[in-house]
Protein backbone atom coordinates (compact mmCIF):
# COMPACT_ATOMS: atom_id res chain seq x y z
CA MET A 1 -43.33 167.97 -66.01
CA SER A 2 -41.88 166.49 -62.89
CA GLY A 3 -41.14 162.80 -63.30
CA ASN A 4 -40.96 162.67 -59.51
CA ASP A 5 -44.59 163.77 -59.10
CA SER A 6 -46.17 161.58 -56.44
CA SER A 7 -49.00 160.48 -58.71
CA VAL A 8 -46.97 159.47 -61.77
CA GLU A 9 -43.54 157.90 -62.14
CA VAL A 10 -41.81 158.24 -65.50
CA PHE A 11 -38.91 156.08 -66.67
CA SER A 12 -36.88 156.36 -69.84
CA THR A 13 -34.91 153.49 -71.39
CA THR A 14 -31.17 152.97 -71.82
CA PRO A 15 -29.75 152.42 -75.34
CA GLN A 16 -28.79 148.83 -76.18
CA SER A 17 -25.17 147.95 -76.88
CA LYS A 18 -26.13 145.97 -80.00
CA ASP A 19 -27.56 149.12 -81.61
CA LEU A 20 -24.46 151.30 -81.35
CA ASP A 21 -20.81 151.16 -82.22
CA GLN A 22 -18.65 150.17 -79.27
CA SER A 23 -16.83 153.51 -79.41
CA GLU A 24 -20.12 155.41 -79.03
CA TYR A 25 -22.05 153.28 -76.56
CA LEU A 26 -20.61 154.43 -73.23
CA ARG A 27 -21.01 158.12 -74.05
CA ARG A 28 -24.55 157.53 -75.29
CA VAL A 29 -25.57 155.80 -72.06
CA GLU A 30 -24.15 158.72 -70.07
CA ASP A 31 -26.00 161.25 -72.25
CA VAL A 32 -29.40 159.54 -72.08
CA ALA A 33 -29.06 159.04 -68.32
CA ARG A 34 -28.14 162.68 -67.79
CA TRP A 35 -31.02 163.95 -69.97
CA SER A 36 -33.47 161.75 -68.05
CA ASP A 37 -32.10 162.86 -64.70
CA GLU A 38 -32.32 166.54 -65.58
CA ALA A 39 -35.91 166.06 -66.80
CA GLY A 40 -36.87 164.76 -63.35
CA TYR A 41 -37.61 161.20 -64.42
CA ARG A 42 -37.85 158.66 -61.64
CA GLY A 43 -35.58 156.18 -63.36
CA ILE A 44 -34.32 154.47 -66.49
CA LEU A 45 -34.90 150.91 -67.70
CA VAL A 46 -31.78 148.85 -68.39
CA TYR A 47 -32.49 145.86 -70.64
CA THR A 48 -31.02 142.40 -70.32
CA ASP A 49 -30.75 139.50 -72.78
CA ASN A 50 -28.06 137.28 -74.28
CA SER A 51 -27.17 139.78 -77.02
CA ILE A 52 -26.32 142.87 -74.95
CA VAL A 53 -23.93 143.93 -72.21
CA ASP A 54 -24.60 143.29 -68.52
CA PRO A 55 -27.31 145.56 -67.02
CA TRP A 56 -25.65 145.81 -63.60
CA LEU A 57 -22.44 147.20 -65.09
CA VAL A 58 -24.44 149.63 -67.24
CA SER A 59 -26.31 150.70 -64.09
CA GLN A 60 -22.99 151.58 -62.47
CA ILE A 61 -22.33 154.02 -65.33
CA ILE A 62 -25.81 155.50 -64.86
CA LEU A 63 -25.26 156.04 -61.13
CA GLN A 64 -21.92 157.72 -61.76
CA SER A 65 -23.44 160.01 -64.42
CA THR A 66 -26.54 161.25 -62.55
CA LYS A 67 -27.68 162.78 -59.27
CA SER A 68 -30.98 161.05 -58.50
CA LEU A 69 -32.00 158.84 -61.44
CA CYS A 70 -32.81 155.25 -60.39
CA PRO A 71 -31.66 152.39 -62.66
CA LEU A 72 -34.55 150.00 -63.35
CA VAL A 73 -32.51 146.83 -63.75
CA ALA A 74 -34.04 143.98 -65.73
CA ILE A 75 -33.41 140.75 -63.82
CA GLN A 76 -33.41 137.41 -65.60
CA PRO A 77 -33.60 134.68 -62.91
CA ILE A 78 -31.60 132.16 -64.93
CA TYR A 79 -28.60 134.53 -65.10
CA MET A 80 -27.81 134.71 -61.39
CA HIS A 81 -28.91 133.53 -57.94
CA PRO A 82 -31.32 135.85 -56.05
CA TYR A 83 -28.68 136.35 -53.35
CA THR A 84 -26.29 137.77 -55.96
CA ALA A 85 -28.94 140.15 -57.29
CA ALA A 86 -29.82 141.29 -53.77
CA LYS A 87 -26.12 141.79 -53.04
CA MET A 88 -25.87 144.10 -56.07
CA VAL A 89 -28.74 146.22 -54.74
CA SER A 90 -27.23 146.49 -51.25
CA THR A 91 -23.78 147.21 -52.70
CA TYR A 92 -25.08 150.07 -54.85
CA ALA A 93 -26.81 151.49 -51.78
CA PHE A 94 -23.57 151.22 -49.79
CA LEU A 95 -21.40 152.79 -52.51
CA HIS A 96 -23.78 155.43 -53.88
CA GLU A 97 -26.64 155.82 -51.35
CA ARG A 98 -29.00 155.44 -54.29
CA ARG A 99 -32.20 153.49 -54.82
CA ILE A 100 -32.53 150.77 -57.46
CA TYR A 101 -35.70 149.56 -59.16
CA LEU A 102 -36.05 145.93 -60.26
CA ASN A 103 -37.78 144.79 -63.44
CA MET A 104 -38.42 141.13 -62.64
CA LEU A 105 -38.52 138.98 -65.76
CA ALA A 106 -40.23 135.65 -66.13
CA GLY A 107 -39.30 135.00 -69.73
CA GLY A 108 -37.14 136.34 -72.49
CA PHE A 109 -36.39 135.55 -76.11
CA LYS A 110 -37.15 131.88 -76.56
CA ASN A 111 -33.87 131.13 -78.32
CA ASP A 112 -31.98 132.78 -75.44
CA LEU A 113 -33.72 130.46 -72.98
CA ILE A 114 -33.06 127.38 -75.11
CA ALA A 115 -29.37 128.30 -75.36
CA LEU A 116 -29.27 128.31 -71.55
CA ASN A 117 -31.09 124.96 -71.41
CA ASP A 118 -34.15 126.56 -69.79
CA GLU A 119 -37.27 124.72 -70.90
CA THR A 120 -39.51 125.92 -68.06
CA PRO A 121 -43.12 126.48 -69.30
CA HIS A 122 -44.42 130.06 -69.48
CA ASP A 123 -46.60 130.07 -66.35
CA ASP A 124 -44.06 128.10 -64.31
CA ARG A 125 -41.47 130.78 -65.07
CA TYR A 126 -43.67 133.18 -63.10
CA VAL A 127 -43.64 130.73 -60.18
CA ARG A 128 -39.84 130.82 -60.34
CA THR A 129 -39.77 134.60 -60.55
CA VAL A 130 -42.09 134.90 -57.55
CA GLU A 131 -39.78 132.71 -55.46
CA TYR A 132 -36.76 134.68 -56.66
CA THR A 133 -38.40 137.97 -55.74
CA GLN A 134 -39.53 136.71 -52.33
CA ILE A 135 -35.96 135.75 -51.45
CA MET A 136 -34.66 139.13 -52.60
CA LYS A 137 -37.34 140.96 -50.63
CA GLY A 138 -36.55 138.98 -47.52
CA LEU A 139 -32.83 139.68 -47.78
CA LEU A 140 -33.31 143.40 -48.45
CA SER A 141 -36.09 144.17 -45.98
CA SER A 142 -34.84 142.60 -42.77
CA PRO A 143 -31.54 142.22 -40.91
CA GLU A 144 -32.65 138.75 -39.84
CA PRO A 145 -31.42 135.64 -41.71
CA VAL A 146 -33.75 134.32 -44.41
CA THR A 147 -34.86 130.71 -44.73
CA PHE A 148 -36.96 129.79 -47.75
CA GLU A 149 -37.89 126.62 -49.58
CA GLY A 150 -39.86 126.60 -52.81
CA LYS A 151 -40.09 124.69 -56.06
CA TYR A 152 -37.04 126.37 -57.61
CA TYR A 153 -35.02 127.88 -54.75
CA LYS A 154 -33.97 126.97 -51.24
CA VAL A 155 -31.90 129.06 -48.83
CA THR A 156 -31.17 128.53 -45.14
CA ASN A 157 -30.24 131.26 -42.64
CA LEU A 158 -29.04 133.50 -45.48
CA LYS A 159 -28.23 137.06 -44.42
CA MET A 160 -27.54 140.22 -46.42
CA THR A 161 -24.44 142.22 -45.55
CA PRO A 162 -24.20 145.15 -45.82
CA PRO A 163 -27.86 145.61 -44.84
CA LEU A 164 -30.01 147.84 -47.04
CA PRO A 165 -31.26 151.11 -45.49
CA GLU A 166 -35.06 151.11 -45.37
CA GLU A 167 -35.36 154.30 -47.44
CA LEU A 168 -33.41 152.65 -50.29
CA TYR A 169 -35.61 149.56 -50.55
CA PRO A 170 -36.09 148.87 -54.29
CA GLY A 171 -39.21 149.45 -56.31
CA ILE A 172 -40.34 146.21 -57.96
CA LEU A 173 -41.99 145.88 -61.38
CA ILE A 174 -43.12 142.80 -63.30
CA SER A 175 -44.93 142.13 -66.57
CA GLY A 176 -48.70 142.14 -66.14
CA SER A 177 -49.77 141.23 -69.67
CA SER A 178 -50.86 137.69 -68.77
CA GLU A 179 -52.95 136.22 -65.96
CA ALA A 180 -49.82 134.53 -64.63
CA GLY A 181 -48.03 137.88 -64.61
CA LEU A 182 -50.88 139.62 -62.79
CA ALA A 183 -51.00 136.83 -60.20
CA ALA A 184 -47.25 137.18 -59.67
CA ALA A 185 -47.59 140.96 -59.22
CA ARG A 186 -50.26 140.43 -56.59
CA GLU A 187 -48.18 137.86 -54.75
CA VAL A 188 -44.99 139.91 -54.48
CA GLY A 189 -46.59 143.37 -54.28
CA ALA A 190 -45.06 144.57 -57.55
CA THR A 191 -46.20 147.16 -60.06
CA ALA A 192 -47.78 145.25 -62.95
CA VAL A 193 -46.52 146.72 -66.23
CA LYS A 194 -48.03 146.00 -69.63
CA TYR A 195 -47.58 147.21 -73.17
CA ALA A 196 -50.26 149.81 -73.74
CA LYS A 197 -53.36 149.10 -75.77
CA PRO A 198 -55.36 152.11 -76.99
CA PRO A 199 -56.96 153.71 -73.89
CA GLY A 200 -60.42 152.84 -75.18
CA GLU A 201 -59.51 149.14 -75.08
CA GLU A 202 -57.99 149.20 -71.59
CA VAL A 203 -60.00 148.52 -68.47
CA GLU A 204 -59.78 150.45 -65.24
CA GLN A 205 -56.94 149.24 -63.05
CA GLY A 206 -57.73 148.29 -59.50
CA GLY A 207 -58.50 145.29 -57.37
CA ASP A 208 -55.64 143.76 -55.46
CA VAL A 209 -52.78 144.76 -57.78
CA ILE A 210 -50.86 147.43 -55.88
CA ASP A 211 -49.99 149.57 -58.89
CA SER A 212 -50.11 149.43 -62.67
CA GLY A 213 -47.95 150.81 -65.43
CA VAL A 214 -47.62 150.93 -69.20
CA ARG A 215 -44.76 150.73 -71.68
CA VAL A 216 -45.29 153.25 -74.49
CA GLY A 217 -43.34 155.58 -76.75
CA ILE A 218 -44.29 159.22 -77.35
CA ILE A 219 -43.65 161.57 -80.26
CA ALA A 220 -45.45 164.89 -79.91
CA ARG A 221 -45.19 168.39 -81.36
CA GLU A 222 -47.39 171.47 -81.37
CA ASP A 223 -48.51 170.46 -84.86
CA SER A 224 -49.75 166.92 -85.48
CA ASP A 225 -48.39 166.75 -89.03
CA GLU A 226 -44.93 167.62 -87.78
CA ALA A 227 -45.13 164.89 -85.13
CA TRP A 228 -46.06 162.31 -87.74
CA ARG A 229 -43.27 163.52 -90.05
CA VAL A 230 -40.77 163.01 -87.22
CA GLY A 231 -42.24 159.62 -86.37
CA ARG A 232 -42.13 158.23 -89.89
CA GLU A 233 -38.63 159.60 -90.42
CA ARG A 234 -37.42 157.93 -87.21
CA PHE A 235 -39.26 154.67 -87.85
CA PRO A 236 -39.57 154.16 -91.62
CA GLU A 237 -41.22 151.10 -93.08
CA ASP A 238 -38.69 148.29 -93.26
CA ARG A 239 -39.44 145.10 -95.17
CA LYS A 240 -36.56 143.27 -93.48
CA GLY A 241 -37.85 144.39 -90.09
CA GLN A 242 -41.36 143.18 -90.93
CA ILE A 243 -40.01 139.74 -91.79
CA THR A 244 -37.97 139.66 -88.58
CA HIS A 245 -41.09 140.63 -86.62
CA LYS A 246 -43.06 137.73 -88.11
CA LEU A 247 -40.24 135.29 -87.39
CA ALA A 248 -40.02 136.53 -83.81
CA MET A 249 -43.76 135.97 -83.41
CA LYS A 250 -43.35 132.32 -84.40
CA VAL A 251 -40.81 131.61 -81.66
CA SER A 252 -42.25 133.83 -78.93
CA ASP A 253 -44.57 132.74 -76.14
CA SER A 254 -44.79 136.30 -74.82
CA GLN A 255 -48.39 137.34 -74.12
CA TRP A 256 -47.73 141.04 -74.70
CA HIS A 257 -46.06 140.33 -78.05
CA LYS A 258 -49.09 138.36 -79.23
CA GLN A 259 -51.58 140.88 -77.88
CA LEU A 260 -49.94 143.78 -79.70
CA SER A 261 -49.65 141.83 -82.93
CA GLU A 262 -53.33 140.91 -82.82
CA LEU A 263 -54.32 144.58 -82.57
CA GLY A 264 -53.12 145.06 -86.13
CA GLU A 265 -52.34 148.39 -87.78
CA GLN A 266 -55.25 150.81 -87.57
CA PRO A 267 -55.42 153.98 -89.67
CA VAL A 268 -53.51 156.67 -87.81
CA SER A 269 -54.57 160.29 -87.58
CA GLU A 270 -54.99 163.13 -85.12
CA GLU A 271 -58.11 161.32 -83.93
CA ASN A 272 -56.20 158.04 -83.55
CA PRO A 273 -52.63 158.67 -82.32
CA TYR A 274 -51.97 155.03 -81.36
CA TRP A 275 -49.29 153.70 -83.73
CA LEU A 276 -47.91 150.16 -83.98
CA GLY A 277 -45.66 150.87 -86.97
CA PRO A 278 -42.34 150.84 -85.03
CA PHE A 279 -43.31 147.55 -83.37
CA GLU A 280 -44.43 145.87 -86.61
CA ASN A 281 -41.22 146.93 -88.38
CA TYR A 282 -39.13 145.53 -85.50
CA ASN A 283 -37.72 148.98 -84.75
CA THR A 284 -38.72 148.83 -81.11
CA PHE A 285 -40.82 146.79 -78.68
CA CYS A 286 -43.63 149.13 -77.71
CA PRO A 287 -46.52 151.01 -79.32
CA TYR A 288 -46.29 154.76 -79.82
CA LEU A 289 -48.59 157.71 -79.28
CA VAL A 290 -48.02 160.28 -82.02
CA GLY A 291 -49.69 163.64 -82.59
CA SER A 292 -50.09 167.13 -81.22
CA TYR A 293 -49.19 167.87 -77.61
CA ASP A 294 -52.85 168.24 -76.68
CA ARG A 295 -54.03 165.06 -78.40
CA VAL A 296 -51.27 162.86 -77.00
CA ALA A 297 -51.68 164.46 -73.56
CA ASP A 298 -55.35 163.55 -73.69
CA GLU A 299 -54.45 159.90 -74.33
CA VAL A 300 -51.87 159.86 -71.52
CA ALA A 301 -54.42 161.46 -69.17
CA ARG A 302 -56.86 158.66 -69.99
CA TYR A 303 -54.24 156.07 -68.99
CA ILE A 304 -53.66 157.93 -65.71
CA GLN A 305 -57.40 158.07 -65.03
CA LEU A 306 -57.62 154.32 -65.67
CA GLY A 307 -55.11 153.79 -62.88
CA PHE A 308 -51.79 153.54 -64.73
CA LYS A 309 -49.31 155.54 -62.66
CA THR A 310 -46.00 154.22 -64.03
CA PHE A 311 -44.89 155.05 -67.58
CA ILE A 312 -41.84 153.41 -69.13
CA LEU A 313 -40.93 155.34 -72.27
CA ASP A 314 -38.79 154.25 -75.19
CA ILE A 315 -35.12 155.13 -75.72
CA PRO A 316 -34.94 158.92 -76.26
CA PRO A 317 -33.07 159.87 -79.45
CA SER A 318 -32.16 163.33 -78.12
CA GLU A 319 -32.50 165.72 -75.20
CA GLU A 320 -34.90 167.77 -77.32
CA GLU A 321 -37.26 164.78 -77.58
CA ILE A 322 -37.39 164.52 -73.79
CA GLU A 323 -38.39 168.18 -73.67
CA HIS A 324 -41.26 167.55 -76.10
CA THR A 325 -42.40 164.62 -73.98
CA ALA A 326 -42.29 166.81 -70.86
CA VAL A 327 -44.93 169.08 -72.42
CA VAL A 328 -47.20 166.06 -72.87
CA PHE A 329 -46.90 164.89 -69.25
CA ASP A 330 -47.39 168.39 -67.85
CA ARG A 331 -50.63 168.74 -69.78
CA ALA A 332 -51.71 165.15 -69.15
CA GLN A 333 -51.40 165.42 -65.38
CA THR A 334 -53.40 168.64 -65.42
CA LEU A 335 -56.14 166.95 -67.47
CA ALA A 336 -56.14 163.82 -65.29
CA SER A 337 -56.58 165.83 -62.09
CA ARG A 338 -59.80 167.50 -63.28
C-alpha cells in the first residue's frame, strides 16, 4: 500500500498522553510516527482536549522523527486565536519545510467546554469554527493583510509573517456527521470526515462537499478467526468501560457519538466484519473492521467506491499491525479500481 496514492489518503493516530506512563510517552509517539511514515501514510492525527498534552508540541516531535509524515493537528477554537494557530502552521513550514493538516473542531467533551465557560450551542459552534477557519485560510493563502468581521471573530489588516509557501498550504478536515458539520465543510472547502457506518448503510458521497473521509479501525489477518482473536484480546469486554460509555452518552451532544450508539451491537462474523465492541467498551472512539484480509479489503473498497478517499485509522499498537493494514489497503484499492 502507498498511503500517498493520489486516490486515497491514509492517516494513523498518535497515542494519547493519558494512556501511557510519562516515561514511555515520548518514545511511543516517535515510534508510531516513524512506523506511519515508513508505511507511506499521508499523516497522523494528533488529538486535543483538556486531559492530554498540547497537540502542537507533540507535532514538533512528529516532525523531528519523520521524513514526510504530516501532523493532522486537532484545533479547538476556544484554546487559541486563529492568528496563533496560523502562525504555528507558517512557523513549522519555515523551520521544517513540511506541510500540516488541520482537523477543525466545533465541539469537544461537554465537561471540557463547561470548564472553559463555553456554552455555545452545537450548531453555533460550527459557525464559530467556520469563521476561525476562514481567518486562517486568509492568513495562510495570501501575502495581503486580512480584514474579517463575523459573529465570533474580527481582525483588521492582519498579516502572516513569515508567509506560507503555496505548496505547503494545509489540508483541512472537519467533522461531517451532522448537517451543521456538512454545511461547514462546504463553506470552507474542507474534507468532511465521519465515523464509519457499515458500507451498506452509507450513501454515495458527492454533491458540493469537496471530499469525504471516514474514521475507522482495522484488524485483519489471513485467517478471520485469528483476526477476531487479536481483536478481542486487544479490546476485551469491560464492564467499567461500558458504564463510562453510557455516562459519556448522557453528557455528549456529539452527533457521531449518538449515531454510533444507535447502531447497536450486531452479530459479528466473516460476513459482518463491522464491530462496535471497542467503542461500546470505551476502549476507543471509532468502529472497527475485523476479519480476513480479503473480507476487510472488500469493505474498505466499498467505502472508496462510495466516495470516501480519506481514512483516519486508530492508534497502531505495533509496526506489525501497520503491515497487516497495508495488505488491506493494497487489496482494497485494486478492488475499488475495477
